[in-house]
Amino acid sequence: MKRVILTAAVAMLMGSVSFAQKFAHVDTEYILGKIPAYQQAQTKLDTYSKQWQAEVEAKFAELDEMYKKFQAEADILPAATKNKREDEIIAKEKEAKELQKKYFGTNGELATKRQELIKPIQDNVYNALKSVATEGGYDYIFDKVTGDIIYASEKYDESDVVLKKIVK
């Protein structure tokens, strides 16, 4: 009797395993860290970033100097000169913030350079990952650093089924 129950349990377990999805994880930081082209690209980005940061800081230092000078002289300046200086300070602040945005904004030069230098390397990693997933029969691959799904088999995509329930 015990043998029959044990056999039935093993058969049920084997049947459920055949429908199981196959998962894997990778460490993208480790992978990217081992790619010389990625390290070179990061070095270039760091160089650009430091150069641009120094330029932005110089603009803000000029602004700070203008403001301190204005503060020291504000009590003795005529109203027209005072207003002119305030306008100059506001214009200089706007100029500094625009420069900062130009370099470090969402669509700034650093983001553009990152896209130009890093994206091709990331695409190569993704293509290799996709190949490993296909060859290994993996349904999902996670990045163990971020926890993000970085590969998902299309056979489990239920987007159209959900859409059909919403848009009837």
C-alpha atoms as a PDB file:
ATOM      1  CA  MET A   1       0.000   0.000   0.000  1.00  0.00           C
ATOM      2  CA  LYS A   2       2.809   2.393   0.907  1.00  0.00           C
ATOM      3  CA  ARG A   3       4.490   1.554  -2.388  1.00  0.00           C
ATOM      4  CA  VAL A   4       1.353   2.448  -4.390  1.00  0.00           C
ATOM      5  CA  ILE A   5       0.983   5.802  -2.584  1.00  0.00           C
ATOM      6  CA  LEU A   6       4.689   6.576  -3.064  1.00  0.00           C
ATOM      7  CA  THR A   7       4.496   5.692  -6.776  1.00  0.00           C
ATOM      8  CA  ALA A   8       1.383   7.833  -7.227  1.00  0.00           C
ATOM      9  CA  ALA A   9       3.040  10.777  -5.440  1.00  0.00           C
ATOM     10  CA  VAL A  10       6.180  10.514  -7.621  1.00  0.00           C
ATOM     11  CA  ALA A  11       4.032  10.285 -10.780  1.00  0.00           C
ATOM     12  CA  MET A  12       2.070  13.384  -9.765  1.00  0.00           C
ATOM     13  CA  LEU A  13       5.275  15.242  -8.993  1.00  0.00           C
ATOM     14  CA  MET A  14       6.796  14.272 -12.345  1.00  0.00           C
ATOM     15  CA  GLY A  15       3.654  15.398 -14.143  1.00  0.00           C
ATOM     16  CA  SER A  16       3.675  18.813 -12.467  1.00  0.00           C
ATOM     17  CA  VAL A  17       7.393  19.283 -13.139  1.00  0.00           C
ATOM     18  CA  SER A  18       6.869  18.845 -16.871  1.00  0.00           C
ATOM     19  CA  PHE A  19       4.648  21.952 -16.871  1.00  0.00           C
ATOM     20  CA  ALA A  20       7.010  23.982 -14.713  1.00  0.00           C
ATOM     21  CA  GLN A  21       8.583  27.127 -16.015  1.00  0.00           C
ATOM     22  CA  LYS A  22      12.331  27.412 -16.103  1.00  0.00           C
ATOM     23  CA  PHE A  23      13.984  30.399 -14.410  1.00  0.00           C
ATOM     24  CA  ALA A  24      17.532  31.720 -14.230  1.00  0.00           C
ATOM     25  CA  HIS A  25      19.263  34.800 -12.917  1.00  0.00           C
ATOM     26  CA  VAL A  26      22.298  36.792 -13.950  1.00  0.00           C
ATOM     27  CA  ASP A  27      24.340  39.592 -12.406  1.00  0.00           C
ATOM     28  CA  THR A  28      24.402  42.329 -15.041  1.00  0.00           C
ATOM     29  CA  GLU A  29      26.826  44.470 -13.021  1.00  0.00           C
ATOM     30  CA  TYR A  30      29.278  41.576 -12.977  1.00  0.00           C
ATOM     31  CA  ILE A  31      28.817  40.928 -16.705  1.00  0.00           C
ATOM     32  CA  LEU A  32      29.212  44.584 -17.689  1.00  0.00           C
ATOM     33  CA  GLY A  33      32.196  44.936 -15.342  1.00  0.00           C
ATOM     34  CA  LYS A  34      34.007  42.188 -17.239  1.00  0.00           C
ATOM     35  CA  ILE A  35      33.521  43.831 -20.671  1.00  0.00           C
ATOM     36  CA  PRO A  36      36.492  46.084 -21.537  1.00  0.00           C
ATOM     37  CA  ALA A  37      34.430  48.232 -23.949  1.00  0.00           C
ATOM     38  CA  TYR A  38      31.977  48.978 -21.137  1.00  0.00           C
ATOM     39  CA  GLN A  39      34.774  50.001 -18.781  1.00  0.00           C
ATOM     40  CA  GLN A  40      36.217  52.294 -21.474  1.00  0.00           C
ATOM     41  CA  ALA A  41      32.794  53.813 -22.101  1.00  0.00           C
ATOM     42  CA  GLN A  42      32.319  54.423 -18.367  1.00  0.00           C
ATOM     43  CA  THR A  43      35.725  56.117 -18.205  1.00  0.00           C
ATOM     44  CA  LYS A  44      34.764  58.406 -21.102  1.00  0.00           C
ATOM     45  CA  LEU A  45      31.448  59.236 -19.443  1.00  0.00           C
ATOM     46  CA  ASP A  46      33.222  60.022 -16.169  1.00  0.00           C
ATOM     47  CA  THR A  47      35.629  62.333 -18.011  1.00  0.00           C
ATOM     48  CA  TYR A  48      32.776  64.180 -19.730  1.00  0.00           C
ATOM     49  CA  SER A  49      30.863  64.402 -16.476  1.00  0.00           C
ATOM     50  CA  LYS A  50      33.807  65.856 -14.533  1.00  0.00           C
ATOM     51  CA  GLN A  51      34.555  68.375 -17.291  1.00  0.00           C
ATOM     52  CA  TRP A  52      30.943  69.516 -17.507  1.00  0.00           C
ATOM     53  CA  GLN A  53      30.529  69.559 -13.736  1.00  0.00           C
ATOM     54  CA  ALA A  54      33.570  71.849 -13.423  1.00  0.00           C
ATOM     55  CA  GLU A  55      32.067  74.176 -16.035  1.00  0.00           C
ATOM     56  CA  VAL A  56      28.720  74.288 -14.205  1.00  0.00           C
ATOM     57  CA  GLU A  57      30.409  74.847 -10.842  1.00  0.00           C
ATOM     58  CA  ALA A  58      32.427  77.748 -12.339  1.00  0.00           C
ATOM     59  CA  LYS A  59      29.166  79.379 -13.497  1.00  0.00           C
ATOM     60  CA  PHE A  60      27.631  78.989 -10.050  1.00  0.00           C
ATOM     61  CA  ALA A  61      30.824  80.358  -8.444  1.00  0.00           C
ATOM     62  CA  GLU A  62      30.564  83.455 -10.682  1.00  0.00           C
ATOM     63  CA  LEU A  63      26.945  83.807  -9.636  1.00  0.00           C
ATOM     64  CA  ASP A  64      27.863  83.481  -5.976  1.00  0.00           C
ATOM     65  CA  GLU A  65      30.573  86.119  -6.350  1.00  0.00           C
ATOM     66  CA  MET A  66      28.153  88.491  -8.089  1.00  0.00           C
ATOM     67  CA  TYR A  67      25.599  87.984  -5.324  1.00  0.00           C
ATOM     68  CA  LYS A  68      28.120  88.558  -2.513  1.00  0.00           C
ATOM     69  CA  LYS A  69      29.369  91.734  -4.192  1.00  0.00           C
ATOM     70  CA  PHE A  70      25.791  92.909  -4.626  1.00  0.00           C
ATOM     71  CA  GLN A  71      24.998  92.182  -0.962  1.00  0.00           C
ATOM     72  CA  ALA A  72      28.033  94.162   0.164  1.00  0.00           C
ATOM     73  CA  GLU A  73      27.087  97.195  -1.971  1.00  0.00           C
ATOM     74  CA  ALA A  74      23.265  96.973  -1.858  1.00  0.00           C
ATOM     75  CA  ASP A  75      22.815  99.630   0.825  1.00  0.00           C
ATOM     76  CA  ILE A  76      24.775 102.304  -1.068  1.00  0.00           C
ATOM     77  CA  LEU A  77      23.547 101.609  -4.608  1.00  0.00           C
ATOM     78  CA  PRO A  78      20.958 103.828  -6.272  1.00  0.00           C
ATOM     79  CA  ALA A  79      17.625 102.088  -6.982  1.00  0.00           C
ATOM     80  CA  ALA A  80      18.192 101.930 -10.762  1.00  0.00           C
ATOM     81  CA  THR A  81      21.652 100.372 -10.363  1.00  0.00           C
ATOM     82  CA  LYS A  82      20.312  98.010  -7.712  1.00  0.00           C
ATOM     83  CA  ASN A  83      17.529  96.805 -10.042  1.00  0.00           C
ATOM     84  CA  LYS A  84      20.022  96.408 -12.894  1.00  0.00           C
ATOM     85  CA  ARG A  85      22.332  94.292 -10.730  1.00  0.00           C
ATOM     86  CA  GLU A  86      19.429  92.144  -9.513  1.00  0.00           C
ATOM     87  CA  ASP A  87      18.434  91.520 -13.134  1.00  0.00           C
ATOM     88  CA  GLU A  88      22.047  90.592 -13.975  1.00  0.00           C
ATOM     89  CA  ILE A  89      22.135  88.133 -11.070  1.00  0.00           C
ATOM     90  CA  ILE A  90      18.824  86.580 -12.134  1.00  0.00           C
ATOM     91  CA  ALA A  91      20.077  86.291 -15.723  1.00  0.00           C
ATOM     92  CA  LYS A  92      23.350  84.713 -14.547  1.00  0.00           C
ATOM     93  CA  GLU A  93      21.435  82.221 -12.376  1.00  0.00           C
ATOM     94  CA  LYS A  94      19.207  81.313 -15.301  1.00  0.00           C
ATOM     95  CA  GLU A  95      22.279  80.869 -17.503  1.00  0.00           C
ATOM     96  CA  ALA A  96      23.939  78.580 -14.934  1.00  0.00           C
ATOM     97  CA  LYS A  97      20.791  76.465 -14.523  1.00  0.00           C
ATOM     98  CA  GLU A  98      20.383  76.177 -18.301  1.00  0.00           C
ATOM     99  CA  LEU A  99      23.986  75.017 -18.620  1.00  0.00           C
ATOM    100  CA  GLN A 100      23.393  72.450 -15.882  1.00  0.00           C
ATOM    101  CA  LYS A 101      20.276  71.226 -17.662  1.00  0.00           C
ATOM    102  CA  LYS A 102      22.102  71.154 -21.014  1.00  0.00           C
ATOM    103  CA  TYR A 103      24.714  68.797 -19.619  1.00  0.00           C
ATOM    104  CA  PHE A 104      22.872  66.840 -16.926  1.00  0.00           C
ATOM    105  CA  GLY A 105      19.181  67.135 -17.772  1.00  0.00           C
ATOM    106  CA  THR A 106      16.981  64.236 -18.827  1.00  0.00           C
ATOM    107  CA  ASN A 107      17.828  64.810 -22.482  1.00  0.00           C
ATOM    108  CA  GLY A 108      21.175  66.441 -21.759  1.00  0.00           C
ATOM    109  CA  GLU A 109      24.541  65.734 -23.259  1.00  0.00           C
ATOM    110  CA  LEU A 110      25.487  63.182 -20.590  1.00  0.00           C
ATOM    111  CA  ALA A 111      22.332  61.169 -21.312  1.00  0.00           C
ATOM    112  CA  THR A 112      23.033  61.410 -25.041  1.00  0.00           C
ATOM    113  CA  LYS A 113      26.641  60.262 -24.575  1.00  0.00           C
ATOM    114  CA  ARG A 114      25.498  57.422 -22.306  1.00  0.00           C
ATOM    115  CA  GLN A 115      23.030  56.310 -24.990  1.00  0.00           C
ATOM    116  CA  GLU A 116      25.738  56.532 -27.639  1.00  0.00           C
ATOM    117  CA  LEU A 117      28.436  54.685 -25.672  1.00  0.00           C
ATOM    118  CA  ILE A 118      26.589  52.246 -23.396  1.00  0.00           C
ATOM    119  CA  LYS A 119      23.467  51.251 -25.368  1.00  0.00           C
ATOM    120  CA  PRO A 120      25.318  49.173 -28.016  1.00  0.00           C
ATOM    121  CA  ILE A 121      27.085  47.220 -25.262  1.00  0.00           C
ATOM    122  CA  GLN A 122      23.818  46.645 -23.402  1.00  0.00           C
ATOM    123  CA  ASP A 123      22.218  45.488 -26.655  1.00  0.00           C
ATOM    124  CA  ASN A 124      25.014  42.932 -27.132  1.00  0.00           C
ATOM    125  CA  VAL A 125      24.531  41.675 -23.574  1.00  0.00           C
ATOM    126  CA  TYR A 126      20.773  41.383 -24.116  1.00  0.00           C
ATOM    127  CA  ASN A 127      21.252  39.481 -27.391  1.00  0.00           C
ATOM    128  CA  ALA A 128      23.659  37.063 -25.682  1.00  0.00           C
ATOM    129  CA  LEU A 129      21.197  36.701 -22.813  1.00  0.00           C
ATOM    130  CA  LYS A 130      18.349  35.987 -25.215  1.00  0.00           C
ATOM    131  CA  SER A 131      20.485  33.351 -26.926  1.00  0.00           C
ATOM    132  CA  VAL A 132      21.318  31.708 -23.586  1.00  0.00           C
ATOM    133  CA  ALA A 133      17.612  31.743 -22.656  1.00  0.00           C
ATOM    134  CA  THR A 134      16.608  30.124 -25.933  1.00  0.00           C
ATOM    135  CA  GLU A 135      19.376  27.507 -25.849  1.00  0.00           C
ATOM    136  CA  GLY A 136      18.774  26.736 -22.163  1.00  0.00           C
ATOM    137  CA  GLY A 137      14.999  26.669 -22.480  1.00  0.00           C
ATOM    138  CA  TYR A 138      14.533  29.413 -19.885  1.00  0.00           C
ATOM    139  CA  ASP A 139      11.174  31.142 -19.678  1.00  0.00           C
ATOM    140  CA  TYR A 140      12.387  33.995 -17.471  1.00  0.00           C
ATOM    141  CA  ILE A 141      15.763  35.435 -16.567  1.00  0.00           C
ATOM    142  CA  PHE A 142      16.077  37.875 -13.676  1.00  0.00           C
ATOM    143  CA  ASP A 143      18.815  40.343 -12.843  1.00  0.00           C
ATOM    144  CA  LYS A 144      19.850  39.358  -9.336  1.00  0.00           C
ATOM    145  CA  VAL A 145      21.124  42.872  -8.608  1.00  0.00           C
ATOM    146  CA  THR A 146      17.939  44.777  -9.469  1.00  0.00           C
ATOM    147  CA  GLY A 147      15.412  41.941  -9.332  1.00  0.00           C
ATOM    148  CA  ASP A 148      14.092  43.011 -12.734  1.00  0.00           C
ATOM    149  CA  ILE A 149      12.960  40.523 -15.335  1.00  0.00           C
ATOM    150  CA  ILE A 150      15.417  41.033 -18.185  1.00  0.00           C
ATOM    151  CA  TYR A 151      14.124  38.241 -20.393  1.00  0.00           C
ATOM    152  CA  ALA A 152      10.629  36.816 -20.626  1.00  0.00           C
ATOM    153  CA  SER A 153       9.465  34.185 -23.085  1.00  0.00           C
ATOM    154  CA  GLU A 154       6.743  35.466 -25.385  1.00  0.00           C
ATOM    155  CA  LYS A 155       4.689  32.310 -24.852  1.00  0.00           C
ATOM    156  CA  TYR A 156       3.591  33.618 -21.450  1.00  0.00           C
ATOM    157  CA  ASP A 157       2.613  37.095 -22.659  1.00  0.00           C
ATOM    158  CA  GLU A 158      -1.058  37.555 -21.857  1.00  0.00           C
ATOM    159  CA  SER A 159      -1.263  41.230 -22.895  1.00  0.00           C
ATOM    160  CA  ASP A 160      -3.739  40.577 -25.720  1.00  0.00           C
ATOM    161  CA  VAL A 161      -6.010  38.504 -23.451  1.00  0.00           C
ATOM    162  CA  VAL A 162      -6.128  41.353 -20.910  1.00  0.00           C
ATOM    163  CA  LEU A 163      -6.698  43.892 -23.683  1.00  0.00           C
ATOM    164  CA  LYS A 164      -9.627  41.858 -25.049  1.00  0.00           C
ATOM    165  CA  LYS A 165     -11.238  41.909 -21.591  1.00  0.00           C
ATOM    166  CA  ILE A 166     -10.909  45.685 -21.433  1.00  0.00           C
ATOM    167  CA  VAL A 167     -11.763  46.550 -25.037  1.00  0.00           C
ATOM    168  CA  LYS A 168     -14.791  44.479 -25.928  1.00  0.00           C
END
